[in-house]
């Protein structure tokens, strides 16, 4: 796998791992009543399994570019949740979200 392809694919799959928990996070940030502990736990498990299966498939398919893929996957996942943590901190401290967020 070419390094550029590995980085782009890793970033996209890292964001894919954020989808289930992010949907619940957005509902909770807007004050929805449908967010339960069980649904949050299920979202975290789905995210973990998604990222684990993706890493396993890439590792078994090819070892070339695995390091770049894994680093991009983790970096995009952590970057996404860093941004969401800032939004949550602003919401918890009574600051209005910017540009139509939350």
Protein backbone atom coordinates (compact mmCIF):
# COMPACT_ATOMS: atom_id res chain seq x y z
CA UNK A 1 0.00 0.00 0.00
CA UNK A 2 1.35 3.42 -0.94
CA UNK A 3 1.98 5.73 2.04
CA UNK A 4 -0.41 8.41 0.76
CA UNK A 5 -3.20 5.88 0.31
CA UNK A 6 -2.50 4.43 3.75
CA UNK A 7 -2.70 7.85 5.41
CA UNK A 8 -5.92 8.87 3.68
CA UNK A 9 -7.56 5.49 4.29
CA UNK A 10 -6.45 5.51 7.92
CA UNK A 11 -7.90 8.97 8.47
CA UNK A 12 -11.21 8.00 6.88
CA UNK A 13 -11.51 4.78 8.85
CA UNK A 14 -10.57 6.64 12.05
CA UNK A 15 -13.50 8.97 11.45
CA UNK A 16 -15.71 5.96 10.69
CA UNK A 17 -14.93 4.68 14.17
CA UNK A 18 -16.30 7.94 15.60
CA UNK A 19 -19.74 7.73 13.98
CA UNK A 20 -21.69 5.71 16.58
CA UNK A 21 -20.49 7.58 19.69
CA UNK A 22 -20.64 10.93 17.88
CA UNK A 23 -24.32 10.46 17.07
CA UNK A 24 -25.07 9.91 20.75
CA UNK A 25 -22.80 12.77 21.77
CA UNK A 26 -24.69 15.17 19.51
CA UNK A 27 -28.03 14.00 20.92
CA UNK A 28 -26.74 14.48 24.47
CA UNK A 29 -25.30 17.90 23.65
CA UNK A 30 -28.69 19.02 22.37
CA UNK A 31 -30.41 17.75 25.52
CA UNK A 32 -32.26 14.79 24.04
CA UNK A 33 -33.96 12.44 26.48
CA UNK A 34 -33.17 9.32 24.41
CA UNK A 35 -29.55 8.94 25.55
CA UNK A 36 -29.11 6.08 28.01
CA UNK A 37 -26.11 4.40 29.56
CA UNK A 38 -26.85 1.20 27.64
CA UNK A 39 -26.89 3.02 24.29
CA UNK A 40 -23.63 4.79 25.15
CA UNK A 41 -21.98 1.51 26.09
CA UNK A 42 -23.22 -0.08 22.87
CA UNK A 43 -21.83 2.84 20.84
CA UNK A 44 -18.41 2.51 22.47
CA UNK A 45 -18.38 -1.24 21.82
CA UNK A 46 -19.36 -0.70 18.17
CA UNK A 47 -16.59 1.89 17.81
CA UNK A 48 -14.01 -0.41 19.38
CA UNK A 49 -15.03 -3.38 17.24
CA UNK A 50 -15.05 -1.27 14.07
CA UNK A 51 -11.53 0.03 14.64
CA UNK A 52 -10.22 -3.38 15.71
CA UNK A 53 -11.68 -5.18 12.68
CA UNK A 54 -10.36 -2.51 10.31
CA UNK A 55 -6.85 -2.79 11.79
CA UNK A 56 -6.99 -6.58 11.64
CA UNK A 57 -8.13 -6.59 8.00
CA UNK A 58 -5.41 -4.15 6.95
CA UNK A 59 -2.76 -6.07 8.88
CA UNK A 60 -3.72 -9.41 7.34
CA UNK A 61 -4.14 -7.96 3.83
CA UNK A 62 -0.81 -6.17 3.70
CA UNK A 63 2.00 -5.23 6.05
CA UNK A 64 3.19 -2.45 3.75
CA UNK A 65 1.82 0.85 4.96
CA UNK A 66 0.35 -0.58 8.15
CA UNK A 67 2.25 1.85 10.38
CA UNK A 68 1.11 4.86 8.35
CA UNK A 69 -2.44 3.54 8.29
CA UNK A 70 -2.53 2.93 12.04
CA UNK A 71 -1.02 6.31 12.91
CA UNK A 72 -3.47 8.15 10.66
CA UNK A 73 -6.38 6.15 12.10
CA UNK A 74 -5.47 7.00 15.69
CA UNK A 75 -4.63 10.63 14.88
CA UNK A 76 -7.95 11.32 13.14
CA UNK A 77 -9.88 9.54 15.92
CA UNK A 78 -8.15 11.57 18.64
CA UNK A 79 -8.42 14.84 16.70
CA UNK A 80 -12.17 14.35 16.27
CA UNK A 81 -12.70 13.67 19.97
CA UNK A 82 -10.44 16.58 20.97
CA UNK A 83 -12.70 18.93 19.02
CA UNK A 84 -15.80 17.34 20.54
CA UNK A 85 -14.29 17.66 24.04
CA UNK A 86 -13.81 21.40 23.50
CA UNK A 87 -17.44 21.70 22.39
CA UNK A 88 -18.59 19.76 25.47
CA UNK A 89 -16.48 21.92 27.76
CA UNK A 90 -18.00 25.07 26.26
CA UNK A 91 -21.51 23.68 26.64
CA UNK A 92 -20.87 22.64 30.25
CA UNK A 93 -19.52 26.08 31.14
CA UNK A 94 -22.41 27.97 29.63
CA UNK A 95 -20.63 29.33 26.59
CA UNK A 96 -22.66 29.52 23.42
CA UNK A 97 -21.43 27.33 20.58
CA UNK A 98 -19.99 29.14 17.59
CA UNK A 99 -21.24 29.15 13.99
CA UNK A 100 -24.42 27.19 14.51
CA UNK A 101 -22.87 24.34 16.49
CA UNK A 102 -24.76 22.34 19.06
